[in-house]
Structure formats: structure tokens, C-alpha cells
Amino acid sequence: MSAPRTPQEALAFFAKLNPSGIKLGLERVREALVALGHPERRYPALHVAGTNGKGSTCAFTAAALQAAGHHVGLYTSPHLVRVNERIRVDGEDISDEAFGRAILEVLERYPSAVSEPMTYFEFGTVVALWHFARVGVDVAVLETGLGGRLDATTASSPVVTAITPVSFDHMEYLGHTLAAIAGEKAGILKPGVPCVVARQEPEALEAIVRKAGEVAAPLLLEGRDFAIQAAADGSVSYRGKAWSLDGLTLALRGPHQQQNAAVALACLEALHAWGVAVPPEAGREGLASARWPGRLEEVGGPPPILLDGAHNPAGVEVLRASLRALYPGRRLHLVFGVVGDKDRGPMMRALLPDCTSVQLTPLDTPRSLAPADYLEEARALCPDVAAWSDVEAALDAARRRAGPDDVVLCTGSLFLVGMVKARLRRNLGAMHQES
């Protein structure tokens, strides 16, 4: 692979790296950061791990930091439609020009990435850390990609860490017990750096507490050091180490977002204690203004199309609770796609019996599971199931079946959510051209 010379060639170089490639370990990323002069040390960072909720927690926190007047970098994954979504500054995706230029600058300082390419996620992480330093962010919010201990983001230098709820996912990499998975997530803990921990299953919490003791990382535990409670009027109240806030409203939908908001507020308190000035009212504003696409996101209608990136059993249970709260009594028409390495059985058993119809679709990834491979399994759970060759056909079928008061639910993978969003965006663009 030859070295790119222009921003456009740099973007093409990055796109050729395998997006599905996973190679756990920090050696390559650390070597690159040394060559770059340790950009990750030029700003304080919040580093968030967990199985579910970490993206929403990052979105809440970044919005509050921006409301406090800070220049904020946000690094998340995966993206839904464009890779630029992964690297944001003050709520704006990195532009193609800035992205390409950052890639070139990294390769100039670390040419080994051309002859011995890093994985897609590793290289993207290095580029993000470099870009945040280059534009001079005041603070960065970093979401882990997979696990924690060996995730590329763990080469960063956070001043606060956080662990959202831990459940079963990526077991082939992280282990087959909650204790093993939580131990991997807790690999982001660093000596003396406070870690905000969401309420956990006892087995997971025990593993996190054990790791915290090994590295001397102080813990802030939900239920002990901070808590959130819903009020009768739909607002929520927060009690933390320093803040006491009532009448909070959450921009992100679903009962589970209350816990994510609590973790975000506790992180903001910890960041403030470290020296990143955040007044309580900025926390309030951040919760009310955060945006996180593809999570209980309603588009179009009637019937409304609901997009949710639930892709593991715990995520699906959270989705079911949200459906009961937000769409009681509404008939569901499911568009479902899943990657082959996910535990689809519990997901399908939780979702399909509640659905009026189910449309199975392949995903735009080599990891996709073909609908034919689990069509009969799905039909045992819902009598009206069909398999389609692409997402457009599956979505069209669901919309035809649904009445104006029904809901078309697209879930099972963030790949699926991104594909549906891209399709809807294309259709909207075509409508604008026709008018």
C-alpha cells in the first residue's frame, strides 16, 4: 500500500483498512502516539466503557461540557452513515478535508502505518486523538470500541473514567462470564483516576471493585455516591457528591436514559473536581439538549419508523421496556438484521412474539447473518415472517403491512440502523430534487 499524498487519497487509504478487523492490543497505538509526540496528553479526557449506554452517556456529557463553554472533542463508534460521525468537535462531524489532512499528518509522523497497517479502529483512534490535539480541544470524551483493557482508546490519558452497565456481548473476545467481561471493561481504570460506575449485577461489580483495588482507582458508585429518581411530572432529580438537581428533562428517550444521565452527571462532577469547570446548570442544559441518533429515534410517519441500535440481549430488554412506556398498545412491524457473532436467540425470543409481522434483512457487512439461516427459527416465534434480499425491500414490506397507528421498528444491529438512515436520506434528497 503506497503512502497517500492528498486528503482525498488519505481518505481512500483509511477506507481500504478492514472495518471489521479486530486485533486487540495497545502496542501499535502506543507506538504511534509516541511518534506523534503524545497528542493524547494535551487535553484532559473522560474515558467511558460498558456494554450498553456508553454512547448515550458520552453524548450527555459532551453536550453539557459544550454548554459550559468548553471546546469539546467526542470520539464514538461505530458510525451509522458516514465515518466522519466518529470524530466530532463541538457537536460537528469532522469534515472530509480535515479528516484527510489529519490522516496525512499522522502518516507523515508515523510512516510505519503504511507498511504495517493498523486496524481500522486503531488508526481511526490515533487520528481522533491527533485531531483533538491539533484543533486544541479543552476536553475530550472517548467511548471504548470493544472491551476496555486492550481497546485502542485505553492508550489515552483520562482524568476520569466511567463504566456503564455490563452485560453479555462480544463473548468470543471478552469471556463468557459477567465477571470476565466486567474485568475486561475495568481494564480502563488507571491509578488515582476516579471511575464512575453505573449500577451493576453483583458479579460484575465485584470484578470492577477488585480491579479498582489493584490499581488504586477511587470508585463513585451509583446508589452509594450518586443517584437519579423520576418524578411524577416526568422530570428527574439527581443527587451526587456536590450537585443536587431537580426538574431535569432528558432529550434522549426511554426509561434507561435516566441511568445514563446519572452516570453523565457524576462524570461531570468528577471532571469539575479535577479542574474542568462545569456549573450544575450546564449539566442540566446538556441533558436537555443531547442528541444521539439511532437510539429510539423516530423518523417519518405515519406510520412512524423507530430506529434503535439494540444488538445484544440486555439492549433488547431495554428496548422492550421503552416500547411499553412510549408506544403502549401499538402494533409492531419489525425489520430485523443481525451479525453472525451475536447471541440472536434471546434477542429474537424477546422481540418477535410481540410483533405483528417480521421482515428479515441481510446487513452491509461481511459479518452479516443471512436471513435464510434463521428464517425457520424466527417463524417459530412469530407466524408472519418473511426474508428479503436487501434492507429496502424489507423496509418497504414493513411499511406496507403497517397501519397509520402502528410502528415500524428497525433493530438488531447498528449496521441496520445506519442502512435505514442512509436509505431514508437518499429518498429525502430525491424528493428535494423532484420538487
Protein backbone atom coordinates (compact mmCIF):
# COMPACT_ATOMS: atom_id res chain seq x y z
CA MET A 1 0.00 0.00 0.00
CA SER A 2 1.55 3.29 -1.13
CA ALA A 3 1.52 6.41 1.03
CA PRO A 4 -1.27 8.88 0.19
CA ARG A 5 -0.32 12.40 -0.82
CA THR A 6 -3.59 14.33 -0.80
CA PRO A 7 -6.51 14.48 1.66
CA GLN A 8 -8.65 12.58 -0.85
CA GLU A 9 -6.03 9.83 -1.19
CA ALA A 10 -5.73 9.75 2.61
CA LEU A 11 -9.46 9.10 2.98
CA ALA A 12 -9.20 6.33 0.40
CA PHE A 13 -6.25 4.83 2.33
CA PHE A 14 -8.33 4.76 5.51
CA ALA A 15 -11.35 3.29 3.74
CA LYS A 16 -9.23 0.37 2.49
CA LEU A 17 -8.46 -0.74 6.04
CA ASN A 18 -10.79 -3.55 7.07
CA PRO A 19 -13.67 -2.01 9.10
CA SER A 20 -14.48 -5.46 10.54
CA GLY A 21 -10.91 -6.30 11.50
CA ILE A 22 -10.31 -6.76 15.23
CA LYS A 23 -6.84 -7.07 16.72
CA LEU A 24 -6.84 -6.42 20.45
CA GLY A 25 -3.74 -4.87 21.99
CA LEU A 26 -2.25 -1.46 22.68
CA GLU A 27 1.28 -1.83 21.31
CA ARG A 28 0.62 -0.42 17.83
CA VAL A 29 -1.45 2.52 19.10
CA ARG A 30 1.07 3.40 21.81
CA GLU A 31 3.92 3.28 19.31
CA ALA A 32 2.02 5.65 17.01
CA LEU A 33 1.23 8.07 19.84
CA VAL A 34 4.90 8.19 20.83
CA ALA A 35 5.81 9.07 17.24
CA LEU A 36 3.16 11.81 17.28
CA GLY A 37 4.52 13.34 20.47
CA HIS A 38 1.72 12.10 22.72
CA PRO A 39 -1.22 14.18 21.49
CA GLU A 40 -3.47 12.38 23.99
CA ARG A 41 -1.67 14.15 26.85
CA ARG A 42 -2.50 17.66 25.62
CA TYR A 43 -6.08 17.74 26.97
CA PRO A 44 -8.00 16.12 29.82
CA ALA A 45 -10.28 13.29 28.81
CA LEU A 46 -13.22 11.26 30.04
CA HIS A 47 -12.98 7.59 29.00
CA VAL A 48 -16.22 5.54 29.02
CA ALA A 49 -16.58 1.75 28.79
CA GLY A 50 -19.55 -0.57 29.28
CA THR A 51 -21.82 -2.87 27.30
CA ASN A 52 -24.86 -0.66 26.82
CA GLY A 53 -25.44 3.04 27.37
CA LYS A 54 -21.89 4.27 26.92
CA GLY A 55 -22.68 6.20 23.73
CA SER A 56 -25.64 7.99 25.30
CA THR A 57 -23.57 8.76 28.39
CA CYS A 58 -20.87 10.27 26.18
CA ALA A 59 -23.49 12.31 24.29
CA PHE A 60 -24.97 13.71 27.52
CA THR A 61 -21.53 14.56 28.89
CA ALA A 62 -20.21 16.17 25.72
CA ALA A 63 -23.36 18.32 25.39
CA ALA A 64 -23.01 19.52 28.99
CA LEU A 65 -19.31 20.33 28.55
CA GLN A 66 -20.16 22.32 25.46
CA ALA A 67 -22.94 24.11 27.35
CA ALA A 68 -20.30 25.04 29.94
CA GLY A 69 -18.37 26.84 27.18
CA HIS A 70 -15.69 24.25 26.53
CA HIS A 71 -14.21 23.29 23.16
CA VAL A 72 -15.17 19.59 23.22
CA GLY A 73 -13.91 16.58 21.27
CA LEU A 74 -16.11 13.49 21.09
CA TYR A 75 -14.93 10.12 19.76
CA THR A 76 -17.51 7.34 19.40
CA SER A 77 -18.09 4.19 17.37
CA PRO A 78 -19.45 2.72 15.26
CA HIS A 79 -20.77 5.30 12.84
CA LEU A 80 -24.24 5.00 11.33
CA VAL A 81 -23.92 6.52 7.85
CA ARG A 82 -20.53 8.25 7.46
CA VAL A 83 -17.27 7.52 9.25
CA ASN A 84 -16.91 11.27 9.94
CA GLU A 85 -19.55 10.83 12.67
CA ARG A 86 -16.93 9.13 14.86
CA ILE A 87 -14.85 12.30 15.32
CA ARG A 88 -16.76 15.40 16.42
CA VAL A 89 -15.75 18.77 17.78
CA ASP A 90 -18.40 20.92 19.42
CA GLY A 91 -21.12 18.69 18.02
CA GLU A 92 -19.95 18.86 14.39
CA ASP A 93 -18.63 15.87 12.44
CA ILE A 94 -15.09 16.23 11.15
CA SER A 95 -15.10 17.44 7.53
CA ASP A 96 -13.63 15.34 4.73
CA GLU A 97 -10.88 17.92 4.25
CA ALA A 98 -9.92 17.99 7.94
CA PHE A 99 -10.16 14.20 8.19
CA GLY A 100 -7.93 13.67 5.19
CA ARG A 101 -5.43 16.25 6.41
CA ALA A 102 -5.28 14.63 9.87
CA ILE A 103 -4.61 11.23 8.29
CA LEU A 104 -1.78 12.70 6.23
CA GLU A 105 -0.24 14.34 9.29
CA VAL A 106 -0.37 11.07 11.23
CA LEU A 107 1.24 9.15 8.36
CA GLU A 108 3.98 11.77 7.96
CA ARG A 109 4.96 11.31 11.60
CA TYR A 110 4.30 7.58 11.76
CA PRO A 111 5.04 6.13 8.28
CA SER A 112 5.04 2.59 9.69
CA ALA A 113 1.25 2.73 9.46
CA VAL A 114 1.63 2.45 5.67
CA SER A 115 3.92 -0.58 5.57
CA GLU A 116 2.38 -2.29 8.60
CA PRO A 117 -1.23 -1.04 8.72
CA MET A 118 -3.10 -0.83 11.98
CA THR A 119 -6.72 -1.94 12.16
CA TYR A 120 -9.44 0.45 11.05
CA PHE A 121 -10.41 1.20 14.65
CA GLU A 122 -6.82 1.59 15.85
CA PHE A 123 -5.92 4.02 13.09
CA GLY A 124 -9.18 5.94 13.50
CA THR A 125 -8.49 6.29 17.22
CA VAL A 126 -5.00 7.64 16.64
CA VAL A 127 -6.32 10.12 14.07
CA ALA A 128 -9.02 11.27 16.51
CA LEU A 129 -6.56 11.80 19.36
CA TRP A 130 -4.25 13.70 16.99
CA HIS A 131 -7.07 15.84 15.57
CA PHE A 132 -8.32 16.82 19.03
CA ALA A 133 -4.83 17.99 19.95
CA ARG A 134 -4.39 19.75 16.62
CA VAL A 135 -7.57 21.83 16.99
CA GLY A 136 -6.92 22.47 20.68
CA VAL A 137 -9.94 20.97 22.41
CA ASP A 138 -10.33 21.83 26.08
CA VAL A 139 -11.56 18.33 26.92
CA ALA A 140 -12.29 15.08 25.07
CA VAL A 141 -14.92 12.40 25.65
CA LEU A 142 -13.81 8.96 24.43
CA GLU A 143 -16.00 5.88 24.03
CA THR A 144 -14.34 2.46 24.02
CA GLY A 145 -14.89 0.30 20.99
CA LEU A 146 -14.68 -3.24 22.41
CA GLY A 147 -13.98 -4.22 25.99
CA GLY A 148 -11.53 -1.87 27.63
CA ARG A 149 -8.27 -3.46 28.74
CA LEU A 150 -6.97 -3.96 25.19
CA ASP A 151 -9.10 -1.38 23.38
CA ALA A 152 -7.23 1.27 21.38
CA THR A 153 -8.86 4.10 23.34
CA THR A 154 -7.23 2.80 26.53
CA ALA A 155 -3.93 4.27 25.29
CA SER A 156 -5.42 7.68 26.16
CA SER A 157 -4.71 9.64 29.35
CA PRO A 158 -8.06 10.21 31.06
CA VAL A 159 -8.61 12.21 34.22
CA VAL A 160 -11.98 10.48 34.81
CA THR A 161 -13.25 7.08 33.65
CA ALA A 162 -16.72 5.53 33.68
CA ILE A 163 -18.29 2.09 33.30
CA THR A 164 -21.92 1.85 32.20
CA PRO A 165 -23.95 -1.36 32.76
CA VAL A 166 -22.06 -4.52 31.86
CA SER A 167 -23.82 -7.45 30.22
CA PHE A 168 -23.09 -10.25 27.76
CA ASP A 169 -21.66 -9.20 24.39
CA HIS A 170 -18.54 -9.96 22.34
CA MET A 171 -18.01 -13.08 24.46
CA GLU A 172 -15.53 -14.55 21.97
CA TYR A 173 -13.17 -11.70 22.86
CA LEU A 174 -14.12 -10.75 26.42
CA GLY A 175 -15.08 -14.02 28.13
CA HIS A 176 -18.21 -16.00 28.88
CA THR A 177 -18.98 -14.81 32.41
CA LEU A 178 -20.08 -11.41 33.66
CA ALA A 179 -17.02 -11.34 35.90
CA ALA A 180 -14.68 -11.89 32.96
CA ILE A 181 -16.41 -9.28 30.80
CA ALA A 182 -16.50 -6.74 33.62
CA GLY A 183 -12.83 -7.40 34.29
CA GLU A 184 -12.05 -6.51 30.68
CA LYS A 185 -14.18 -3.35 30.89
CA ALA A 186 -12.44 -2.41 34.13
CA GLY A 187 -9.15 -2.52 32.25
CA ILE A 188 -9.68 1.20 31.56
CA LEU A 189 -9.11 2.00 35.26
CA LYS A 190 -5.90 3.86 36.00
CA PRO A 191 -4.06 4.60 39.26
CA GLY A 192 -5.56 7.52 41.12
CA VAL A 193 -8.11 8.28 38.36
CA PRO A 194 -11.70 8.29 39.67
CA CYS A 195 -14.12 5.91 37.95
CA VAL A 196 -17.89 6.46 37.87
CA VAL A 197 -19.68 3.10 37.91
CA ALA A 198 -23.32 2.51 36.98
CA ARG A 199 -25.39 0.05 39.00
CA GLN A 200 -24.20 -3.46 38.08
CA GLU A 201 -25.04 -7.10 38.61
CA PRO A 202 -23.19 -8.30 41.76
CA GLU A 203 -20.76 -10.48 39.78
CA ALA A 204 -19.79 -7.58 37.52
CA LEU A 205 -19.48 -5.08 40.37
CA GLU A 206 -17.24 -7.45 42.33
CA ALA A 207 -14.84 -7.68 39.37
CA ILE A 208 -14.77 -3.89 38.96
CA VAL A 209 -14.16 -3.30 42.67
CA ARG A 210 -11.37 -5.87 42.63
CA LYS A 211 -9.66 -4.19 39.70
CA ALA A 212 -10.05 -0.77 41.32
CA GLY A 213 -8.30 -2.09 44.41
CA GLU A 214 -5.43 -3.47 42.32
CA VAL A 215 -4.71 -0.13 40.64
CA ALA A 216 -5.82 2.19 43.49
CA ALA A 217 -8.57 3.86 41.47
CA PRO A 218 -11.29 5.56 43.57
CA LEU A 219 -14.82 4.49 42.65
CA LEU A 220 -18.01 6.54 42.55
CA LEU A 221 -20.86 4.04 42.69
CA GLU A 222 -24.45 4.55 41.60
CA GLY A 223 -26.72 4.10 44.59
CA ARG A 224 -23.96 4.97 47.05
CA ASP A 225 -22.33 8.15 45.73
CA PHE A 226 -24.93 9.33 43.25
CA ALA A 227 -28.49 8.52 42.25
CA ILE A 228 -31.31 9.67 40.00
CA GLN A 229 -35.04 9.40 40.57
CA ALA A 230 -38.06 10.00 38.34
CA ALA A 231 -40.75 12.44 39.47
CA ALA A 232 -44.48 12.19 38.84
CA ASP A 233 -44.37 15.01 36.27
CA GLY A 234 -41.91 13.13 34.05
CA SER A 235 -38.83 15.05 35.16
CA VAL A 236 -35.96 13.52 37.13
CA SER A 237 -33.95 14.51 40.18
CA TYR A 238 -30.23 13.92 40.73
CA ARG A 239 -28.24 13.68 43.95
CA GLY A 240 -24.47 13.45 43.76
CA LYS A 241 -21.34 14.26 45.70
CA ALA A 242 -21.74 18.00 45.15
CA TRP A 243 -24.79 18.56 42.98
CA SER A 244 -28.47 18.38 43.89
CA LEU A 245 -30.64 18.98 40.82
CA ASP A 246 -34.41 18.78 40.45
CA GLY A 247 -36.70 19.19 37.46
CA LEU A 248 -34.26 17.71 34.95
CA THR A 249 -35.53 16.82 31.46
CA LEU A 250 -33.80 14.34 29.16
CA ALA A 251 -33.53 14.85 25.42
CA LEU A 252 -32.90 11.13 24.84
CA ARG A 253 -35.95 8.88 25.09
CA GLY A 254 -36.55 5.76 27.14
CA PRO A 255 -36.53 4.95 30.87
CA HIS A 256 -32.97 3.60 30.62
CA GLN A 257 -31.67 7.07 29.78
CA GLN A 258 -32.21 8.09 33.39
CA GLN A 259 -29.32 5.87 34.44
CA ASN A 260 -27.14 7.12 31.58
CA ALA A 261 -27.92 10.68 32.64
CA ALA A 262 -26.96 9.89 36.23
CA VAL A 263 -23.60 8.47 35.16
CA ALA A 264 -23.03 11.52 32.93
CA LEU A 265 -23.75 13.96 35.77
CA ALA A 266 -21.46 12.05 38.13
CA CYS A 267 -18.71 12.22 35.46
CA LEU A 268 -19.26 15.96 35.14
CA GLU A 269 -18.96 16.37 38.91
CA ALA A 270 -15.69 14.43 38.83
CA LEU A 271 -14.37 16.46 35.90
CA HIS A 272 -15.26 19.66 37.74
CA ALA A 273 -13.44 18.44 40.84
CA TRP A 274 -10.37 17.74 38.70
CA GLY A 275 -10.39 21.23 37.20
CA VAL A 276 -12.65 21.22 34.13
CA ALA A 277 -15.11 23.91 35.18
CA VAL A 278 -18.71 22.71 34.79
CA PRO A 279 -21.51 24.54 36.62
CA PRO A 280 -24.54 22.43 37.58
CA GLU A 281 -26.77 24.35 35.17
CA ALA A 282 -24.55 23.24 32.27
CA GLY A 283 -25.28 19.67 33.32
CA ARG A 284 -28.99 20.46 33.23
CA GLU A 285 -28.67 22.01 29.76
CA GLY A 286 -26.62 19.11 28.45
CA LEU A 287 -29.22 16.54 29.46
CA ALA A 288 -31.93 18.58 27.75
CA SER A 289 -30.02 19.18 24.51
CA ALA A 290 -28.03 15.98 23.83
CA ARG A 291 -28.52 14.21 20.53
CA TRP A 292 -27.65 10.57 19.88
CA PRO A 293 -29.06 9.24 16.57
CA GLY A 294 -30.21 5.67 16.11
CA ARG A 295 -31.30 5.11 19.70
CA LEU A 296 -35.11 5.16 19.98
CA GLU A 297 -35.01 7.64 17.10
CA GLU A 298 -38.39 8.17 15.47
CA VAL A 299 -38.42 9.28 11.83
CA GLY A 300 -41.12 9.82 9.26
CA GLY A 301 -44.67 8.65 9.51
CA PRO A 302 -47.38 7.72 9.54
CA PRO A 303 -46.59 5.03 10.40
CA PRO A 304 -43.55 6.17 12.38
CA ILE A 305 -40.27 4.36 11.77
CA LEU A 306 -38.40 3.70 15.00
CA LEU A 307 -34.64 3.13 14.79
CA ASP A 308 -32.80 1.52 17.69
CA GLY A 309 -29.32 0.03 17.74
CA ALA A 310 -30.04 -2.72 20.31
CA HIS A 311 -27.72 -5.59 19.36
CA ASN A 312 -27.44 -7.81 22.42
CA PRO A 313 -29.93 -9.40 24.85
CA ALA A 314 -29.59 -6.68 27.50
CA GLY A 315 -30.07 -3.96 24.90
CA VAL A 316 -33.20 -5.65 23.59
CA GLU A 317 -34.68 -5.89 27.09
CA VAL A 318 -34.10 -2.15 27.50
CA LEU A 319 -35.77 -1.59 24.12
CA ARG A 320 -38.81 -3.67 25.17
CA ALA A 321 -39.24 -1.60 28.33
CA SER A 322 -39.01 1.59 26.27
CA LEU A 323 -41.60 0.32 23.77
CA ARG A 324 -44.03 -0.41 26.60
CA ALA A 325 -43.51 3.09 28.00
CA LEU A 326 -43.56 5.04 24.73
CA TYR A 327 -45.86 3.04 22.43
CA PRO A 328 -48.34 1.17 24.66
CA GLY A 329 -50.81 -0.94 22.71
CA ARG A 330 -49.31 -0.12 19.30
CA ARG A 331 -48.81 -2.95 16.80
CA LEU A 332 -45.16 -3.55 15.87
CA HIS A 333 -43.82 -4.45 12.43
CA LEU A 334 -40.20 -5.46 12.84
CA VAL A 335 -37.34 -5.06 10.38
CA PHE A 336 -34.57 -7.20 11.83
CA GLY A 337 -30.98 -7.87 10.84
CA VAL A 338 -28.15 -9.32 12.89
CA VAL A 339 -24.47 -10.14 12.57
CA GLY A 340 -23.44 -13.75 12.86
CA ASP A 341 -21.40 -13.40 16.06
CA LYS A 342 -24.27 -12.01 18.14
CA ASP A 343 -26.44 -14.02 20.54
CA ARG A 344 -29.56 -13.72 18.40
CA GLY A 345 -31.66 -16.35 20.22
CA PRO A 346 -32.50 -14.32 23.35
CA MET A 347 -32.94 -11.18 21.24
CA MET A 348 -35.46 -12.86 18.96
CA ARG A 349 -37.32 -14.57 21.80
CA ALA A 350 -37.74 -11.20 23.49
CA LEU A 351 -38.85 -9.27 20.41
CA LEU A 352 -40.60 -11.46 17.87
CA PRO A 353 -43.60 -12.73 19.91
CA ASP A 354 -44.68 -9.12 20.44
CA CYS A 355 -44.61 -8.32 16.70
CA THR A 356 -47.44 -8.44 14.17
CA SER A 357 -45.03 -9.05 11.31
CA VAL A 358 -41.28 -9.55 10.91
CA GLN A 359 -39.10 -8.76 7.91
CA LEU A 360 -35.58 -10.23 7.99
CA THR A 361 -32.79 -8.50 6.07
CA PRO A 362 -29.07 -9.00 5.46
CA LEU A 363 -26.65 -6.30 6.57
CA ASP A 364 -23.97 -4.48 4.63
CA THR A 365 -21.06 -6.16 6.39
CA PRO A 366 -19.14 -9.43 5.90
CA ARG A 367 -20.28 -10.38 9.41
CA SER A 368 -23.97 -10.37 8.39
CA LEU A 369 -26.07 -13.44 9.06
CA ALA A 370 -28.16 -14.41 6.02
CA PRO A 371 -31.92 -14.28 6.72
CA ALA A 372 -32.35 -17.79 5.30
CA ASP A 373 -30.08 -19.11 8.05
CA TYR A 374 -32.57 -18.25 10.78
CA LEU A 375 -35.89 -17.88 8.93
CA GLU A 376 -37.44 -21.02 10.43
CA GLU A 377 -36.18 -20.08 13.89
CA ALA A 378 -37.98 -16.75 13.51
CA ARG A 379 -41.19 -18.34 12.21
CA ALA A 380 -41.41 -20.42 15.36
CA LEU A 381 -41.69 -17.16 17.31
CA CYS A 382 -43.97 -15.14 15.01
CA PRO A 383 -46.31 -16.58 12.37
CA ASP A 384 -45.80 -13.73 9.88
CA VAL A 385 -42.10 -13.70 8.94
CA ALA A 386 -40.50 -13.06 5.57
CA ALA A 387 -36.88 -12.94 4.39
CA TRP A 388 -35.72 -10.31 1.93
CA SER A 389 -32.63 -9.76 -0.19
CA ASP A 390 -31.95 -6.21 0.99
CA VAL A 391 -32.99 -3.62 3.54
CA GLU A 392 -35.03 -1.54 1.09
CA ALA A 393 -37.31 -4.45 0.28
CA ALA A 394 -37.67 -5.36 3.97
CA LEU A 395 -38.46 -1.79 4.99
CA ASP A 396 -40.97 -1.36 2.15
CA ALA A 397 -42.70 -4.59 3.15
CA ALA A 398 -42.96 -3.49 6.79
CA ARG A 399 -44.38 -0.11 5.79
CA ARG A 400 -46.97 -1.75 3.53
CA ARG A 401 -48.10 -4.02 6.36
CA ALA A 402 -48.33 -1.26 8.95
CA GLY A 403 -51.37 0.89 9.56
CA PRO A 404 -51.02 4.61 10.39
CA ASP A 405 -51.24 3.90 14.12
CA ASP A 406 -48.71 1.06 14.04
CA VAL A 407 -44.93 1.31 14.48
CA VAL A 408 -42.22 0.06 12.12
CA LEU A 409 -39.28 -0.96 14.34
CA CYS A 410 -35.81 -1.38 12.83
CA THR A 411 -33.37 -3.05 15.22
CA GLY A 412 -30.90 -5.88 15.79
CA SER A 413 -27.74 -4.07 14.73
CA LEU A 414 -26.31 -0.59 14.39
CA PHE A 415 -25.38 -1.65 10.84
CA LEU A 416 -29.11 -1.95 10.12
CA VAL A 417 -29.88 1.43 11.67
CA GLY A 418 -27.20 3.06 9.53
CA MET A 419 -28.51 1.37 6.38
CA VAL A 420 -32.08 2.53 7.03
CA LYS A 421 -30.93 6.08 7.80
CA ALA A 422 -28.89 6.17 4.59
CA ARG A 423 -31.85 4.92 2.59
CA LEU A 424 -34.23 7.46 4.11
CA ARG A 425 -31.68 10.21 3.50
CA ARG A 426 -31.38 9.22 -0.19
CA ASN A 427 -35.15 9.24 -0.57
CA LEU A 428 -35.40 12.67 1.04
CA GLY A 429 -32.69 14.00 -1.28
CA ALA A 430 -34.54 12.61 -4.31
CA MET A 431 -37.77 14.27 -3.17
CA HIS A 432 -36.00 17.61 -2.86
CA GLN A 433 -34.55 17.26 -6.38
CA GLU A 434 -38.00 16.46 -7.83
CA SER A 435 -39.56 19.50 -6.15
